[in-house]
């Protein structure tokens, strides 16, 4: 039997181990560090939604979808859906991402949006991005183009 050096078998140590594992679990659900160790995805505080990194892919654990991170140059990245669903993902050029099931507005805490690029992978409903007081808003498209694509966003002051 494997014995841990800090585990003596009493209940107080057992509770401490459970609490430590719970804290580590919460941290792993809110931060994802890619294998190259240079980019971190931080998330808004939304219940039951978080990302985890695995071999260069990002998994949206609220659904079975996987999202591949691709370099856009100049340390800029976007997330491309490998399997589309009804979720939207927004990634800014600082590597910060916001995720929510059916958003009307996007806001990444602590991020001041500057001139692009910003990308969003969308499926339903089709939309374009506009900015309103530091937030990114999804609004309907009028041209009927397919929505399964990445949208580039760069606002004009």
C-alpha atoms as a PDB file:
ATOM      1  CA  UNK A   1       0.000   0.000   0.000  1.00  0.00           C
ATOM      2  CA  UNK A   2       1.293   3.457  -0.908  1.00  0.00           C
ATOM      3  CA  UNK A   3       1.812   5.595   2.165  1.00  0.00           C
ATOM      4  CA  UNK A   4       2.047   9.354   2.055  1.00  0.00           C
ATOM      5  CA  UNK A   5       4.646  10.925   4.384  1.00  0.00           C
ATOM      6  CA  UNK A   6       2.160  13.538   5.637  1.00  0.00           C
ATOM      7  CA  UNK A   7      -0.721  11.095   6.118  1.00  0.00           C
ATOM      8  CA  UNK A   8      -0.827   9.326   9.472  1.00  0.00           C
ATOM      9  CA  UNK A   9      -4.318   7.909   9.158  1.00  0.00           C
ATOM     10  CA  UNK A  10      -6.226  10.235  11.489  1.00  0.00           C
ATOM     11  CA  UNK A  11      -9.314  12.143  10.375  1.00  0.00           C
ATOM     12  CA  UNK A  12      -7.845  15.661  10.653  1.00  0.00           C
ATOM     13  CA  UNK A  13      -5.093  14.822   8.155  1.00  0.00           C
ATOM     14  CA  UNK A  14      -7.690  13.231   5.899  1.00  0.00           C
ATOM     15  CA  UNK A  15      -9.806  16.413   5.926  1.00  0.00           C
ATOM     16  CA  UNK A  16      -6.708  18.539   5.233  1.00  0.00           C
ATOM     17  CA  UNK A  17      -5.855  16.434   2.194  1.00  0.00           C
ATOM     18  CA  UNK A  18      -9.422  16.726   0.877  1.00  0.00           C
ATOM     19  CA  UNK A  19      -9.367  20.517   1.332  1.00  0.00           C
ATOM     20  CA  UNK A  20      -5.989  20.763  -0.438  1.00  0.00           C
ATOM     21  CA  UNK A  21      -7.286  18.716  -3.375  1.00  0.00           C
ATOM     22  CA  UNK A  22     -10.434  20.858  -3.542  1.00  0.00           C
ATOM     23  CA  UNK A  23      -8.355  24.063  -3.682  1.00  0.00           C
ATOM     24  CA  UNK A  24      -6.107  22.612  -6.394  1.00  0.00           C
ATOM     25  CA  UNK A  25      -9.204  21.576  -8.318  1.00  0.00           C
ATOM     26  CA  UNK A  26     -10.616  25.119  -8.180  1.00  0.00           C
ATOM     27  CA  UNK A  27      -7.317  26.599  -9.382  1.00  0.00           C
ATOM     28  CA  UNK A  28      -7.125  24.134 -12.264  1.00  0.00           C
ATOM     29  CA  UNK A  29     -10.642  25.107 -13.313  1.00  0.00           C
ATOM     30  CA  UNK A  30      -9.891  28.823 -13.507  1.00  0.00           C
ATOM     31  CA  UNK A  31      -6.425  28.845 -15.070  1.00  0.00           C
ATOM     32  CA  UNK A  32      -5.018  26.989 -18.047  1.00  0.00           C
ATOM     33  CA  UNK A  33      -1.341  27.184 -18.940  1.00  0.00           C
ATOM     34  CA  UNK A  34      -0.252  25.877 -22.314  1.00  0.00           C
ATOM     35  CA  UNK A  35       2.621  23.418 -22.555  1.00  0.00           C
ATOM     36  CA  UNK A  36       5.084  26.012 -23.856  1.00  0.00           C
ATOM     37  CA  UNK A  37       4.530  27.831 -20.576  1.00  0.00           C
ATOM     38  CA  UNK A  38       4.178  31.263 -22.121  1.00  0.00           C
ATOM     39  CA  UNK A  39       0.425  31.806 -22.455  1.00  0.00           C
ATOM     40  CA  UNK A  40      -2.271  31.689 -19.826  1.00  0.00           C
ATOM     41  CA  UNK A  41      -6.015  31.812 -20.414  1.00  0.00           C
ATOM     42  CA  UNK A  42      -7.956  33.521 -17.638  1.00  0.00           C
ATOM     43  CA  UNK A  43     -11.694  33.298 -17.387  1.00  0.00           C
ATOM     44  CA  UNK A  44     -14.612  35.413 -16.200  1.00  0.00           C
ATOM     45  CA  UNK A  45     -16.347  34.195 -13.069  1.00  0.00           C
ATOM     46  CA  UNK A  46     -19.189  32.243 -14.652  1.00  0.00           C
ATOM     47  CA  UNK A  47     -20.700  29.260 -12.906  1.00  0.00           C
ATOM     48  CA  UNK A  48     -19.783  25.828 -14.255  1.00  0.00           C
ATOM     49  CA  UNK A  49     -17.821  27.168 -17.231  1.00  0.00           C
ATOM     50  CA  UNK A  50     -14.057  26.878 -17.471  1.00  0.00           C
ATOM     51  CA  UNK A  51     -11.313  25.923 -19.895  1.00  0.00           C
ATOM     52  CA  UNK A  52      -8.513  23.414 -19.543  1.00  0.00           C
ATOM     53  CA  UNK A  53      -5.473  23.043 -21.777  1.00  0.00           C
ATOM     54  CA  UNK A  54      -4.400  19.648 -23.109  1.00  0.00           C
ATOM     55  CA  UNK A  55      -1.584  19.211 -25.642  1.00  0.00           C
ATOM     56  CA  UNK A  56      -2.155  22.597 -27.235  1.00  0.00           C
ATOM     57  CA  UNK A  57      -5.929  22.225 -27.356  1.00  0.00           C
ATOM     58  CA  UNK A  58      -8.423  23.972 -25.137  1.00  0.00           C
ATOM     59  CA  UNK A  59     -11.440  22.057 -23.928  1.00  0.00           C
ATOM     60  CA  UNK A  60     -14.684  23.843 -23.130  1.00  0.00           C
ATOM     61  CA  UNK A  61     -15.654  21.615 -20.254  1.00  0.00           C
ATOM     62  CA  UNK A  62     -19.258  22.869 -20.126  1.00  0.00           C
ATOM     63  CA  UNK A  63     -19.769  21.009 -23.423  1.00  0.00           C
ATOM     64  CA  UNK A  64     -17.938  18.323 -25.433  1.00  0.00           C
ATOM     65  CA  UNK A  65     -16.434  20.859 -27.817  1.00  0.00           C
ATOM     66  CA  UNK A  66     -12.708  21.292 -28.286  1.00  0.00           C
ATOM     67  CA  UNK A  67     -11.056  24.553 -29.306  1.00  0.00           C
ATOM     68  CA  UNK A  68      -7.647  24.748 -30.987  1.00  0.00           C
ATOM     69  CA  UNK A  69      -5.414  27.710 -30.184  1.00  0.00           C
ATOM     70  CA  UNK A  70      -3.668  29.077 -33.262  1.00  0.00           C
ATOM     71  CA  UNK A  71      -0.955  31.706 -33.417  1.00  0.00           C
ATOM     72  CA  UNK A  72      -1.712  34.941 -35.254  1.00  0.00           C
ATOM     73  CA  UNK A  73       1.825  36.295 -34.883  1.00  0.00           C
ATOM     74  CA  UNK A  74       3.141  38.916 -32.466  1.00  0.00           C
ATOM     75  CA  UNK A  75       2.164  36.735 -29.484  1.00  0.00           C
ATOM     76  CA  UNK A  76      -1.473  37.001 -30.554  1.00  0.00           C
ATOM     77  CA  UNK A  77      -3.801  34.007 -30.551  1.00  0.00           C
ATOM     78  CA  UNK A  78      -7.335  33.096 -31.442  1.00  0.00           C
ATOM     79  CA  UNK A  79      -9.401  30.034 -30.626  1.00  0.00           C
ATOM     80  CA  UNK A  80     -10.845  28.059 -33.517  1.00  0.00           C
ATOM     81  CA  UNK A  81     -13.709  25.656 -32.801  1.00  0.00           C
ATOM     82  CA  UNK A  82     -12.969  22.098 -33.932  1.00  0.00           C
ATOM     83  CA  UNK A  83     -16.562  21.030 -33.289  1.00  0.00           C
ATOM     84  CA  UNK A  84     -19.132  23.778 -33.278  1.00  0.00           C
ATOM     85  CA  UNK A  85     -21.883  24.145 -30.752  1.00  0.00           C
ATOM     86  CA  UNK A  86     -23.964  27.037 -29.437  1.00  0.00           C
ATOM     87  CA  UNK A  87     -21.204  28.578 -27.342  1.00  0.00           C
ATOM     88  CA  UNK A  88     -19.212  31.695 -28.139  1.00  0.00           C
ATOM     89  CA  UNK A  89     -15.568  32.267 -27.310  1.00  0.00           C
ATOM     90  CA  UNK A  90     -13.827  35.651 -27.354  1.00  0.00           C
ATOM     91  CA  UNK A  91     -10.050  35.945 -27.115  1.00  0.00           C
ATOM     92  CA  UNK A  92      -8.228  39.243 -27.079  1.00  0.00           C
ATOM     93  CA  UNK A  93      -4.640  39.839 -28.168  1.00  0.00           C
ATOM     94  CA  UNK A  94      -3.409  39.523 -24.578  1.00  0.00           C
ATOM     95  CA  UNK A  95      -4.569  35.909 -24.409  1.00  0.00           C
ATOM     96  CA  UNK A  96      -7.576  36.609 -22.207  1.00  0.00           C
ATOM     97  CA  UNK A  97     -10.822  34.870 -23.039  1.00  0.00           C
ATOM     98  CA  UNK A  98     -14.457  35.169 -22.035  1.00  0.00           C
ATOM     99  CA  UNK A  99     -16.934  32.314 -22.422  1.00  0.00           C
ATOM    100  CA  UNK A 100     -20.687  32.189 -21.865  1.00  0.00           C
ATOM    101  CA  UNK A 101     -23.542  30.071 -23.292  1.00  0.00           C
ATOM    102  CA  UNK A 102     -25.821  32.768 -24.735  1.00  0.00           C
ATOM    103  CA  UNK A 103     -24.152  36.154 -24.370  1.00  0.00           C
ATOM    104  CA  UNK A 104     -25.415  39.553 -25.363  1.00  0.00           C
ATOM    105  CA  UNK A 105     -22.329  41.397 -24.174  1.00  0.00           C
ATOM    106  CA  UNK A 106     -18.730  40.435 -23.518  1.00  0.00           C
ATOM    107  CA  UNK A 107     -16.512  41.909 -20.879  1.00  0.00           C
ATOM    108  CA  UNK A 108     -13.179  40.608 -19.646  1.00  0.00           C
ATOM    109  CA  UNK A 109     -12.440  41.918 -16.135  1.00  0.00           C
ATOM    110  CA  UNK A 110      -9.176  43.821 -15.915  1.00  0.00           C
ATOM    111  CA  UNK A 111      -8.818  44.116 -19.685  1.00  0.00           C
ATOM    112  CA  UNK A 112      -8.817  47.462 -21.437  1.00  0.00           C
ATOM    113  CA  UNK A 113      -9.611  46.812 -25.070  1.00  0.00           C
ATOM    114  CA  UNK A 114      -7.247  48.415 -27.539  1.00  0.00           C
ATOM    115  CA  UNK A 115      -7.183  48.314 -31.316  1.00  0.00           C
ATOM    116  CA  UNK A 116      -7.673  44.631 -32.394  1.00  0.00           C
ATOM    117  CA  UNK A 117      -7.293  41.961 -33.243  1.00  0.00           C
ATOM    118  CA  UNK A 118     -10.146  40.290 -31.407  1.00  0.00           C
ATOM    119  CA  UNK A 119     -11.708  37.070 -32.582  1.00  0.00           C
ATOM    120  CA  UNK A 120     -14.946  35.302 -31.834  1.00  0.00           C
ATOM    121  CA  UNK A 121     -16.049  31.866 -32.996  1.00  0.00           C
ATOM    122  CA  UNK A 122     -19.816  31.877 -33.416  1.00  0.00           C
ATOM    123  CA  UNK A 123     -22.495  29.601 -34.759  1.00  0.00           C
ATOM    124  CA  UNK A 124     -25.952  30.543 -33.523  1.00  0.00           C
ATOM    125  CA  UNK A 125     -27.083  33.226 -33.921  1.00  0.00           C
ATOM    126  CA  UNK A 126     -25.012  34.852 -36.663  1.00  0.00           C
ATOM    127  CA  UNK A 127     -23.647  38.170 -35.549  1.00  0.00           C
ATOM    128  CA  UNK A 128     -21.031  40.849 -35.721  1.00  0.00           C
ATOM    129  CA  UNK A 129     -19.181  42.620 -32.933  1.00  0.00           C
ATOM    130  CA  UNK A 130     -19.492  46.196 -31.804  1.00  0.00           C
ATOM    131  CA  UNK A 131     -18.034  47.969 -28.789  1.00  0.00           C
ATOM    132  CA  UNK A 132     -19.993  49.845 -26.167  1.00  0.00           C
ATOM    133  CA  UNK A 133     -18.257  51.463 -23.191  1.00  0.00           C
ATOM    134  CA  UNK A 134     -15.406  48.951 -23.122  1.00  0.00           C
ATOM    135  CA  UNK A 135     -17.660  45.950 -23.728  1.00  0.00           C
ATOM    136  CA  UNK A 136     -17.979  43.790 -26.826  1.00  0.00           C
ATOM    137  CA  UNK A 137     -21.564  43.317 -27.983  1.00  0.00           C
ATOM    138  CA  UNK A 138     -22.860  40.629 -30.341  1.00  0.00           C
ATOM    139  CA  UNK A 139     -25.445  42.001 -32.781  1.00  0.00           C
ATOM    140  CA  UNK A 140     -27.334  40.247 -35.618  1.00  0.00           C
ATOM    141  CA  UNK A 141     -25.891  40.134 -39.111  1.00  0.00           C
ATOM    142  CA  UNK A 142     -28.053  41.287 -41.993  1.00  0.00           C
ATOM    143  CA  UNK A 143     -26.249  39.723 -44.950  1.00  0.00           C
ATOM    144  CA  UNK A 144     -27.142  36.115 -44.145  1.00  0.00           C
ATOM    145  CA  UNK A 145     -23.571  34.839 -44.372  1.00  0.00           C
ATOM    146  CA  UNK A 146     -22.759  31.613 -42.593  1.00  0.00           C
ATOM    147  CA  UNK A 147     -21.733  32.059 -39.004  1.00  0.00           C
ATOM    148  CA  UNK A 148     -19.311  29.149 -38.692  1.00  0.00           C
ATOM    149  CA  UNK A 149     -16.219  31.281 -39.017  1.00  0.00           C
ATOM    150  CA  UNK A 150     -13.921  33.481 -37.002  1.00  0.00           C
ATOM    151  CA  UNK A 151     -14.688  37.164 -36.831  1.00  0.00           C
ATOM    152  CA  UNK A 152     -11.954  39.769 -36.692  1.00  0.00           C
ATOM    153  CA  UNK A 153     -12.766  42.769 -34.541  1.00  0.00           C
ATOM    154  CA  UNK A 154     -10.890  46.062 -34.435  1.00  0.00           C
ATOM    155  CA  UNK A 155     -12.807  49.067 -33.192  1.00  0.00           C
ATOM    156  CA  UNK A 156     -12.404  52.680 -34.275  1.00  0.00           C
ATOM    157  CA  UNK A 157     -12.217  55.360 -31.601  1.00  0.00           C
END
